[in-house]
Amino acid sequence: MPIDNRIAEVARALAHPARVRIVRLLLDREQCIGGDIVDEVGLAQSTVSEHMRILKQAGIVVAQFERPRVRYALSSEHMGELAELLGRVRDCC
């Protein structure tokens, strides 16, 4: 995927304040159960699930299923890439 497209994909995923809040929460806690994210951000479970779907689709978070719970964490595989992408945006503008 061309770098501009990847930057746009990540920017779209982070374009909502609730998703930024979720990413910041995961930065502080390393990993978190979905119900705890719901409690922290103060949104309905279905709304948080949709935000998590978008973050997962962009490769920002990963999910580990521990029925009936889902444990979320930032994708260590993509965190370096995310930092590089944000650095490129900062450097170009």
PDB file of N, CA and C in Angstrom:
ATOM      1  N   MET A   1       0.848  -1.177   0.000  1.00  0.00           N
ATOM      2  CA  MET A   1       0.000   0.000   0.000  1.00  0.00           C
ATOM      3  C   MET A   1       0.893   1.239   0.000  1.00  0.00           C
ATOM      4  N   PRO A   2       0.652   2.185  -0.905  1.00  0.00           N
ATOM      5  CA  PRO A   2       1.448   3.421  -0.915  1.00  0.00           C
ATOM      6  C   PRO A   2       1.353   4.146   0.429  1.00  0.00           C
ATOM      7  N   ILE A   3       2.441   4.813   0.790  1.00  0.00           N
ATOM      8  CA  ILE A   3       2.531   5.459   2.098  1.00  0.00           C
ATOM      9  C   ILE A   3       1.423   6.478   2.320  1.00  0.00           C
ATOM     10  N   ASP A   4       1.053   7.240   1.301  1.00  0.00           N
ATOM     11  CA  ASP A   4      -0.010   8.233   1.474  1.00  0.00           C
ATOM     12  C   ASP A   4      -1.337   7.562   1.803  1.00  0.00           C
ATOM     13  N   ASN A   5      -1.601   6.431   1.189  1.00  0.00           N
ATOM     14  CA  ASN A   5      -2.840   5.703   1.480  1.00  0.00           C
ATOM     15  C   ASN A   5      -2.837   5.165   2.905  1.00  0.00           C
ATOM     16  N   ARG A   6      -1.681   4.665   3.351  1.00  0.00           N
ATOM     17  CA  ARG A   6      -1.592   4.128   4.715  1.00  0.00           C
ATOM     18  C   ARG A   6      -1.766   5.248   5.738  1.00  0.00           C
ATOM     19  N   ILE A   7      -1.142   6.392   5.487  1.00  0.00           N
ATOM     20  CA  ILE A   7      -1.306   7.535   6.396  1.00  0.00           C
ATOM     21  C   ILE A   7      -2.774   7.933   6.462  1.00  0.00           C
ATOM     22  N   ALA A   8      -3.448   7.976   5.321  1.00  0.00           N
ATOM     23  CA  ALA A   8      -4.870   8.335   5.294  1.00  0.00           C
ATOM     24  C   ALA A   8      -5.703   7.312   6.049  1.00  0.00           C
ATOM     25  N   GLU A   9      -5.376   6.028   5.918  1.00  0.00           N
ATOM     26  CA  GLU A   9      -6.118   4.979   6.622  1.00  0.00           C
ATOM     27  C   GLU A   9      -5.990   5.140   8.136  1.00  0.00           C
ATOM     28  N   VAL A  10      -4.781   5.378   8.601  1.00  0.00           N
ATOM     29  CA  VAL A  10      -4.555   5.568  10.035  1.00  0.00           C
ATOM     30  C   VAL A  10      -5.232   6.850  10.508  1.00  0.00           C
ATOM     31  N   ALA A  11      -5.139   7.909   9.715  1.00  0.00           N
ATOM     32  CA  ALA A  11      -5.775   9.179  10.084  1.00  0.00           C
ATOM     33  C   ALA A  11      -7.286   9.017  10.207  1.00  0.00           C
ATOM     34  N   ARG A  12      -7.888   8.280   9.282  1.00  0.00           N
ATOM     35  CA  ARG A  12      -9.341   8.032   9.368  1.00  0.00           C
ATOM     36  C   ARG A  12      -9.678   7.271  10.648  1.00  0.00           C
ATOM     37  N   ALA A  13      -8.854   6.290  10.978  1.00  0.00           N
ATOM     38  CA  ALA A  13      -9.119   5.493  12.179  1.00  0.00           C
ATOM     39  C   ALA A  13      -9.000   6.334  13.444  1.00  0.00           C
ATOM     40  N   LEU A  14      -8.132   7.322  13.430  1.00  0.00           N
ATOM     41  CA  LEU A  14      -7.921   8.166  14.611  1.00  0.00           C
ATOM     42  C   LEU A  14      -8.708   9.472  14.551  1.00  0.00           C
ATOM     43  N   ALA A  15      -9.612   9.584  13.598  1.00  0.00           N
ATOM     44  CA  ALA A  15     -10.326  10.843  13.369  1.00  0.00           C
ATOM     45  C   ALA A  15     -11.507  11.067  14.301  1.00  0.00           C
ATOM     46  N   HIS A  16     -11.686  10.216  15.277  1.00  0.00           N
ATOM     47  CA  HIS A  16     -12.792  10.386  16.224  1.00  0.00           C
ATOM     48  C   HIS A  16     -12.210  10.486  17.632  1.00  0.00           C
ATOM     49  N   PRO A  17     -12.656  11.455  18.424  1.00  0.00           N
ATOM     50  CA  PRO A  17     -12.103  11.627  19.770  1.00  0.00           C
ATOM     51  C   PRO A  17     -12.206  10.374  20.642  1.00  0.00           C
ATOM     52  N   ALA A  18     -13.256   9.597  20.495  1.00  0.00           N
ATOM     53  CA  ALA A  18     -13.390   8.380  21.306  1.00  0.00           C
ATOM     54  C   ALA A  18     -12.301   7.372  20.948  1.00  0.00           C
ATOM     55  N   ARG A  19     -11.955   7.271  19.669  1.00  0.00           N
ATOM     56  CA  ARG A  19     -10.907   6.327  19.271  1.00  0.00           C
ATOM     57  C   ARG A  19      -9.542   6.801  19.763  1.00  0.00           C
ATOM     58  N   VAL A  20      -9.320   8.102  19.742  1.00  0.00           N
ATOM     59  CA  VAL A  20      -8.075   8.636  20.300  1.00  0.00           C
ATOM     60  C   VAL A  20      -8.023   8.328  21.795  1.00  0.00           C
ATOM     61  N   ARG A  21      -9.131   8.501  22.483  1.00  0.00           N
ATOM     62  CA  ARG A  21      -9.196   8.205  23.918  1.00  0.00           C
ATOM     63  C   ARG A  21      -8.897   6.730  24.176  1.00  0.00           C
ATOM     64  N   ILE A  22      -9.433   5.849  23.344  1.00  0.00           N
ATOM     65  CA  ILE A  22      -9.192   4.408  23.492  1.00  0.00           C
ATOM     66  C   ILE A  22      -7.712   4.094  23.288  1.00  0.00           C
ATOM     67  N   VAL A  23      -7.098   4.678  22.271  1.00  0.00           N
ATOM     68  CA  VAL A  23      -5.672   4.444  22.023  1.00  0.00           C
ATOM     69  C   VAL A  23      -4.848   4.943  23.201  1.00  0.00           C
ATOM     70  N   ARG A  24      -5.182   6.109  23.728  1.00  0.00           N
ATOM     71  CA  ARG A  24      -4.454   6.635  24.893  1.00  0.00           C
ATOM     72  C   ARG A  24      -4.629   5.728  26.104  1.00  0.00           C
ATOM     73  N   LEU A  25      -5.822   5.189  26.286  1.00  0.00           N
ATOM     74  CA  LEU A  25      -6.077   4.251  27.379  1.00  0.00           C
ATOM     75  C   LEU A  25      -5.189   3.020  27.229  1.00  0.00           C
ATOM     76  N   LEU A  26      -5.110   2.486  26.018  1.00  0.00           N
ATOM     77  CA  LEU A  26      -4.290   1.300  25.780  1.00  0.00           C
ATOM     78  C   LEU A  26      -2.799   1.609  25.899  1.00  0.00           C
ATOM     79  N   LEU A  27      -2.396   2.822  25.607  1.00  0.00           N
ATOM     80  CA  LEU A  27      -1.001   3.211  25.831  1.00  0.00           C
ATOM     81  C   LEU A  27      -0.672   3.171  27.317  1.00  0.00           C
ATOM     82  N   ASP A  28      -1.610   3.596  28.148  1.00  0.00           N
ATOM     83  CA  ASP A  28      -1.400   3.617  29.598  1.00  0.00           C
ATOM     84  C   ASP A  28      -1.460   2.230  30.221  1.00  0.00           C
ATOM     85  N   ARG A  29      -2.330   1.362  29.704  1.00  0.00           N
ATOM     86  CA  ARG A  29      -2.593   0.080  30.361  1.00  0.00           C
ATOM     87  C   ARG A  29      -1.989  -1.131  29.665  1.00  0.00           C
ATOM     88  N   GLU A  30      -1.465  -0.965  28.510  1.00  0.00           N
ATOM     89  CA  GLU A  30      -0.896  -2.051  27.711  1.00  0.00           C
ATOM     90  C   GLU A  30      -1.965  -2.959  27.108  1.00  0.00           C
ATOM     91  N   GLN A  31      -2.929  -3.408  27.901  1.00  0.00           N
ATOM     92  CA  GLN A  31      -4.064  -4.170  27.382  1.00  0.00           C
ATOM     93  C   GLN A  31      -5.260  -3.955  28.290  1.00  0.00           C
ATOM     94  N   CYS A  32      -6.443  -4.189  27.741  1.00  0.00           N
ATOM     95  CA  CYS A  32      -7.653  -3.871  28.487  1.00  0.00           C
ATOM     96  C   CYS A  32      -8.805  -4.734  27.989  1.00  0.00           C
ATOM     97  N   ILE A  33      -9.642  -5.169  28.900  1.00  0.00           N
ATOM     98  CA  ILE A  33     -10.843  -5.927  28.545  1.00  0.00           C
ATOM     99  C   ILE A  33     -11.882  -4.943  28.004  1.00  0.00           C
ATOM    100  N   GLY A  34     -12.625  -5.385  27.004  1.00  0.00           N
ATOM    101  CA  GLY A  34     -13.607  -4.528  26.347  1.00  0.00           C
ATOM    102  C   GLY A  34     -14.545  -3.824  27.308  1.00  0.00           C
ATOM    103  N   GLY A  35     -15.033  -4.527  28.324  1.00  0.00           N
ATOM    104  CA  GLY A  35     -15.941  -3.923  29.297  1.00  0.00           C
ATOM    105  C   GLY A  35     -15.302  -2.780  30.062  1.00  0.00           C
ATOM    106  N   ASP A  36     -14.000  -2.893  30.321  1.00  0.00           N
ATOM    107  CA  ASP A  36     -13.288  -1.814  31.007  1.00  0.00           C
ATOM    108  C   ASP A  36     -13.154  -0.587  30.107  1.00  0.00           C
ATOM    109  N   ILE A  37     -12.986  -0.828  28.814  1.00  0.00           N
ATOM    110  CA  ILE A  37     -12.927   0.291  27.865  1.00  0.00           C
ATOM    111  C   ILE A  37     -14.266   1.016  27.852  1.00  0.00           C
ATOM    112  N   VAL A  38     -15.354   0.249  27.839  1.00  0.00           N
ATOM    113  CA  VAL A  38     -16.701   0.835  27.880  1.00  0.00           C
ATOM    114  C   VAL A  38     -16.834   1.727  29.110  1.00  0.00           C
ATOM    115  N   ASP A  39     -16.412   1.222  30.269  1.00  0.00           N
ATOM    116  CA  ASP A  39     -16.508   1.998  31.509  1.00  0.00           C
ATOM    117  C   ASP A  39     -15.668   3.271  31.448  1.00  0.00           C
ATOM    118  N   GLU A  40     -14.473   3.166  30.902  1.00  0.00           N
ATOM    119  CA  GLU A  40     -13.559   4.314  30.861  1.00  0.00           C
ATOM    120  C   GLU A  40     -14.013   5.410  29.905  1.00  0.00           C
ATOM    121  N   VAL A  41     -14.509   5.033  28.729  1.00  0.00           N
ATOM    122  CA  VAL A  41     -14.866   6.060  27.745  1.00  0.00           C
ATOM    123  C   VAL A  41     -16.303   6.537  27.895  1.00  0.00           C
ATOM    124  N   GLY A  42     -17.118   5.800  28.648  1.00  0.00           N
ATOM    125  CA  GLY A  42     -18.476   6.249  28.920  1.00  0.00           C
ATOM    126  C   GLY A  42     -19.424   6.186  27.736  1.00  0.00           C
ATOM    127  N   LEU A  43     -19.178   5.258  26.830  1.00  0.00           N
ATOM    128  CA  LEU A  43     -20.056   5.069  25.673  1.00  0.00           C
ATOM    129  C   LEU A  43     -20.719   3.700  25.759  1.00  0.00           C
ATOM    130  N   ALA A  44     -21.772   3.523  24.983  1.00  0.00           N
ATOM    131  CA  ALA A  44     -22.466   2.236  24.951  1.00  0.00           C
ATOM    132  C   ALA A  44     -21.525   1.156  24.428  1.00  0.00           C
ATOM    133  N   GLN A  45     -21.756  -0.065  24.878  1.00  0.00           N
ATOM    134  CA  GLN A  45     -20.922  -1.193  24.468  1.00  0.00           C
ATOM    135  C   GLN A  45     -20.906  -1.356  22.952  1.00  0.00           C
ATOM    136  N   SER A  46     -22.053  -1.194  22.319  1.00  0.00           N
ATOM    137  CA  SER A  46     -22.114  -1.345  20.861  1.00  0.00           C
ATOM    138  C   SER A  46     -21.309  -0.256  20.151  1.00  0.00           C
ATOM    139  N   THR A  47     -21.308   0.939  20.715  1.00  0.00           N
ATOM    140  CA  THR A  47     -20.537   2.042  20.133  1.00  0.00           C
ATOM    141  C   THR A  47     -19.043   1.774  20.265  1.00  0.00           C
ATOM    142  N   VAL A  48     -18.628   1.316  21.440  1.00  0.00           N
ATOM    143  CA  VAL A  48     -17.217   0.984  21.649  1.00  0.00           C
ATOM    144  C   VAL A  48     -16.805  -0.159  20.725  1.00  0.00           C
ATOM    145  N   SER A  49     -17.668  -1.142  20.557  1.00  0.00           N
ATOM    146  CA  SER A  49     -17.362  -2.257  19.650  1.00  0.00           C
ATOM    147  C   SER A  49     -17.116  -1.763  18.230  1.00  0.00           C
ATOM    148  N   GLU A  50     -17.906  -0.816  17.789  1.00  0.00           N
ATOM    149  CA  GLU A  50     -17.717  -0.265  16.443  1.00  0.00           C
ATOM    150  C   GLU A  50     -16.393   0.497  16.351  1.00  0.00           C
ATOM    151  N   HIS A  51     -16.063   1.261  17.378  1.00  0.00           N
ATOM    152  CA  HIS A  51     -14.780   1.966  17.389  1.00  0.00           C
ATOM    153  C   HIS A  51     -13.623   0.966  17.381  1.00  0.00           C
ATOM    154  N   MET A  52     -13.755  -0.121  18.147  1.00  0.00           N
ATOM    155  CA  MET A  52     -12.698  -1.131  18.181  1.00  0.00           C
ATOM    156  C   MET A  52     -12.562  -1.812  16.823  1.00  0.00           C
ATOM    157  N   ARG A  53     -13.662  -2.045  16.147  1.00  0.00           N
ATOM    158  CA  ARG A  53     -13.623  -2.661  14.815  1.00  0.00           C
ATOM    159  C   ARG A  53     -12.810  -1.785  13.856  1.00  0.00           C
ATOM    160  N   ILE A  54     -13.044  -0.488  13.919  1.00  0.00           N
ATOM    161  CA  ILE A  54     -12.336   0.447  13.041  1.00  0.00           C
ATOM    162  C   ILE A  54     -10.844   0.468  13.372  1.00  0.00           C
ATOM    163  N   LEU A  55     -10.512   0.491  14.652  1.00  0.00           N
ATOM    164  CA  LEU A  55      -9.106   0.489  15.062  1.00  0.00           C
ATOM    165  C   LEU A  55      -8.416  -0.820  14.679  1.00  0.00           C
ATOM    166  N   LYS A  56      -9.125  -1.938  14.814  1.00  0.00           N
ATOM    167  CA  LYS A  56      -8.556  -3.234  14.404  1.00  0.00           C
ATOM    168  C   LYS A  56      -8.343  -3.272  12.901  1.00  0.00           C
ATOM    169  N   GLN A  57      -9.314  -2.804  12.155  1.00  0.00           N
ATOM    170  CA  GLN A  57      -9.231  -2.818  10.695  1.00  0.00           C
ATOM    171  C   GLN A  57      -8.027  -2.008  10.201  1.00  0.00           C
ATOM    172  N   ALA A  58      -7.707  -0.946  10.913  1.00  0.00           N
ATOM    173  CA  ALA A  58      -6.561  -0.110  10.546  1.00  0.00           C
ATOM    174  C   ALA A  58      -5.243  -0.685  11.061  1.00  0.00           C
ATOM    175  N   GLY A  59      -5.307  -1.771  11.818  1.00  0.00           N
ATOM    176  CA  GLY A  59      -4.100  -2.396  12.336  1.00  0.00           C
ATOM    177  C   GLY A  59      -3.535  -1.720  13.567  1.00  0.00           C
ATOM    178  N   ILE A  60      -4.317  -0.865  14.204  1.00  0.00           N
ATOM    179  CA  ILE A  60      -3.845  -0.134  15.375  1.00  0.00           C
ATOM    180  C   ILE A  60      -3.973  -0.974  16.639  1.00  0.00           C
ATOM    181  N   VAL A  61      -5.032  -1.753  16.744  1.00  0.00           N
ATOM    182  CA  VAL A  61      -5.222  -2.627  17.904  1.00  0.00           C
ATOM    183  C   VAL A  61      -5.397  -4.070  17.452  1.00  0.00           C
ATOM    184  N   VAL A  62      -5.143  -4.968  18.394  1.00  0.00           N
ATOM    185  CA  VAL A  62      -5.388  -6.394  18.186  1.00  0.00           C
ATOM    186  C   VAL A  62      -6.319  -6.866  19.291  1.00  0.00           C
ATOM    187  N   ALA A  63      -7.046  -7.937  19.003  1.00  0.00           N
ATOM    188  CA  ALA A  63      -7.990  -8.487  19.974  1.00  0.00           C
ATOM    189  C   ALA A  63      -7.629  -9.934  20.263  1.00  0.00           C
ATOM    190  N   GLN A  64      -7.721 -10.294  21.530  1.00  0.00           N
ATOM    191  CA  GLN A  64      -7.525 -11.676  21.955  1.00  0.00           C
ATOM    192  C   GLN A  64      -8.826 -12.113  22.614  1.00  0.00           C
ATOM    193  N   PHE A  65      -9.440 -13.139  22.061  1.00  0.00           N
ATOM    194  CA  PHE A  65     -10.735 -13.587  22.552  1.00  0.00           C
ATOM    195  C   PHE A  65     -10.549 -14.563  23.698  1.00  0.00           C
ATOM    196  N   GLU A  66     -11.133 -14.226  24.835  1.00  0.00           N
ATOM    197  CA  GLU A  66     -11.145 -15.057  26.039  1.00  0.00           C
ATOM    198  C   GLU A  66     -12.599 -15.135  26.469  1.00  0.00           C
ATOM    199  N   ARG A  67     -13.368 -15.951  25.787  1.00  0.00           N
ATOM    200  CA  ARG A  67     -14.823 -16.001  25.983  1.00  0.00           C
ATOM    201  C   ARG A  67     -15.191 -15.957  27.449  1.00  0.00           C
ATOM    202  N   PRO A  68     -16.117 -15.114  27.838  1.00  0.00           N
ATOM    203  CA  PRO A  68     -16.948 -14.243  27.015  1.00  0.00           C
ATOM    204  C   PRO A  68     -16.337 -12.863  26.794  1.00  0.00           C
ATOM    205  N   ARG A  69     -15.095 -12.681  27.186  1.00  0.00           N
ATOM    206  CA  ARG A  69     -14.460 -11.363  27.102  1.00  0.00           C
ATOM    207  C   ARG A  69     -13.552 -11.252  25.885  1.00  0.00           C
ATOM    208  N   VAL A  70     -13.261 -10.004  25.554  1.00  0.00           N
ATOM    209  CA  VAL A  70     -12.270  -9.712  24.521  1.00  0.00           C
ATOM    210  C   VAL A  70     -11.239  -8.783  25.153  1.00  0.00           C
ATOM    211  N   ARG A  71      -9.981  -9.158  25.027  1.00  0.00           N
ATOM    212  CA  ARG A  71      -8.887  -8.347  25.558  1.00  0.00           C
ATOM    213  C   ARG A  71      -8.231  -7.618  24.386  1.00  0.00           C
ATOM    214  N   TYR A  72      -8.117  -6.304  24.511  1.00  0.00           N
ATOM    215  CA  TYR A  72      -7.555  -5.480  23.443  1.00  0.00           C
ATOM    216  C   TYR A  72      -6.192  -4.940  23.850  1.00  0.00           C
ATOM    217  N   ALA A  73      -5.334  -4.778  22.857  1.00  0.00           N
ATOM    218  CA  ALA A  73      -4.017  -4.180  23.069  1.00  0.00           C
ATOM    219  C   ALA A  73      -3.619  -3.450  21.793  1.00  0.00           C
ATOM    220  N   LEU A  74      -2.702  -2.511  21.943  1.00  0.00           N
ATOM    221  CA  LEU A  74      -2.148  -1.874  20.751  1.00  0.00           C
ATOM    222  C   LEU A  74      -1.322  -2.913  20.004  1.00  0.00           C
ATOM    223  N   SER A  75      -1.351  -2.859  18.721  1.00  0.00           N
ATOM    224  CA  SER A  75      -0.611  -3.806  17.888  1.00  0.00           C
ATOM    225  C   SER A  75       0.872  -3.465  17.928  1.00  0.00           C
ATOM    226  N   SER A  76       1.649  -4.285  18.625  1.00  0.00           N
ATOM    227  CA  SER A  76       3.090  -4.024  18.693  1.00  0.00           C
ATOM    228  C   SER A  76       3.710  -4.104  17.305  1.00  0.00           C
ATOM    229  N   GLU A  77       3.141  -4.922  16.456  1.00  0.00           N
ATOM    230  CA  GLU A  77       3.628  -5.063  15.086  1.00  0.00           C
ATOM    231  C   GLU A  77       3.492  -3.762  14.302  1.00  0.00           C
ATOM    232  N   HIS A  78       2.444  -2.997  14.593  1.00  0.00           N
ATOM    233  CA  HIS A  78       2.179  -1.791  13.817  1.00  0.00           C
ATOM    234  C   HIS A  78       2.514  -0.490  14.552  1.00  0.00           C
ATOM    235  N   MET A  79       2.918  -0.549  15.813  1.00  0.00           N
ATOM    236  CA  MET A  79       3.201   0.681  16.553  1.00  0.00           C
ATOM    237  C   MET A  79       4.393   1.426  15.968  1.00  0.00           C
ATOM    238  N   GLY A  80       5.432   0.703  15.576  1.00  0.00           N
ATOM    239  CA  GLY A  80       6.578   1.356  14.945  1.00  0.00           C
ATOM    240  C   GLY A  80       6.186   2.022  13.646  1.00  0.00           C
ATOM    241  N   GLU A  81       5.366   1.318  12.870  1.00  0.00           N
ATOM    242  CA  GLU A  81       4.883   1.873  11.608  1.00  0.00           C
ATOM    243  C   GLU A  81       4.047   3.124  11.864  1.00  0.00           C
ATOM    244  N   LEU A  82       3.194   3.076  12.880  1.00  0.00           N
ATOM    245  CA  LEU A  82       2.349   4.221  13.204  1.00  0.00           C
ATOM    246  C   LEU A  82       3.205   5.430  13.582  1.00  0.00           C
ATOM    247  N   ALA A  83       4.222   5.209  14.406  1.00  0.00           N
ATOM    248  CA  ALA A  83       5.113   6.306  14.792  1.00  0.00           C
ATOM    249  C   ALA A  83       5.822   6.879  13.567  1.00  0.00           C
ATOM    250  N   GLU A  84       6.255   5.997  12.664  1.00  0.00           N
ATOM    251  CA  GLU A  84       6.914   6.464  11.442  1.00  0.00           C
ATOM    252  C   GLU A  84       5.959   7.275  10.568  1.00  0.00           C
ATOM    253  N   LEU A  85       4.726   6.788  10.430  1.00  0.00           N
ATOM    254  CA  LEU A  85       3.743   7.500   9.614  1.00  0.00           C
ATOM    255  C   LEU A  85       3.467   8.887  10.169  1.00  0.00           C
ATOM    256  N   LEU A  86       3.268   8.957  11.489  1.00  0.00           N
ATOM    257  CA  LEU A  86       2.999  10.255  12.105  1.00  0.00           C
ATOM    258  C   LEU A  86       4.206  11.177  11.980  1.00  0.00           C
ATOM    259  N   GLY A  87       5.401  10.613  12.073  1.00  0.00           N
ATOM    260  CA  GLY A  87       6.612  11.402  11.884  1.00  0.00           C
ATOM    261  C   GLY A  87       6.705  11.968  10.479  1.00  0.00           C
ATOM    262  N   ARG A  88       6.313  11.169   9.499  1.00  0.00           N
ATOM    263  CA  ARG A  88       6.342  11.644   8.112  1.00  0.00           C
ATOM    264  C   ARG A  88       5.353  12.786   7.901  1.00  0.00           C
ATOM    265  N   VAL A  89       4.191  12.681   8.527  1.00  0.00           N
ATOM    266  CA  VAL A  89       3.206  13.759   8.414  1.00  0.00           C
ATOM    267  C   VAL A  89       3.772  15.028   9.045  1.00  0.00           C
ATOM    268  N   ARG A  90       4.360  14.887  10.216  1.00  0.00           N
ATOM    269  CA  ARG A  90       4.932  16.042  10.913  1.00  0.00           C
ATOM    270  C   ARG A  90       6.046  16.674  10.084  1.00  0.00           C
ATOM    271  N   ASP A  91       6.898  15.845   9.486  1.00  0.00           N
ATOM    272  CA  ASP A  91       8.041  16.350   8.731  1.00  0.00           C
ATOM    273  C   ASP A  91       7.650  17.013   7.419  1.00  0.00           C
ATOM    274  N   CYS A  92       6.538  16.579   6.841  1.00  0.00           N
ATOM    275  CA  CYS A  92       6.192  17.106   5.520  1.00  0.00           C
ATOM    276  C   CYS A  92       5.377  18.394   5.583  1.00  0.00           C
ATOM    277  N   CYS A  93       4.803  18.702   6.720  1.00  0.00           N
ATOM    278  CA  CYS A  93       3.848  19.822   6.749  1.00  0.00           C
ATOM    279  C   CYS A  93       4.326  20.938   7.639  1.00  0.00           C
TER     280      CYS A  93
END
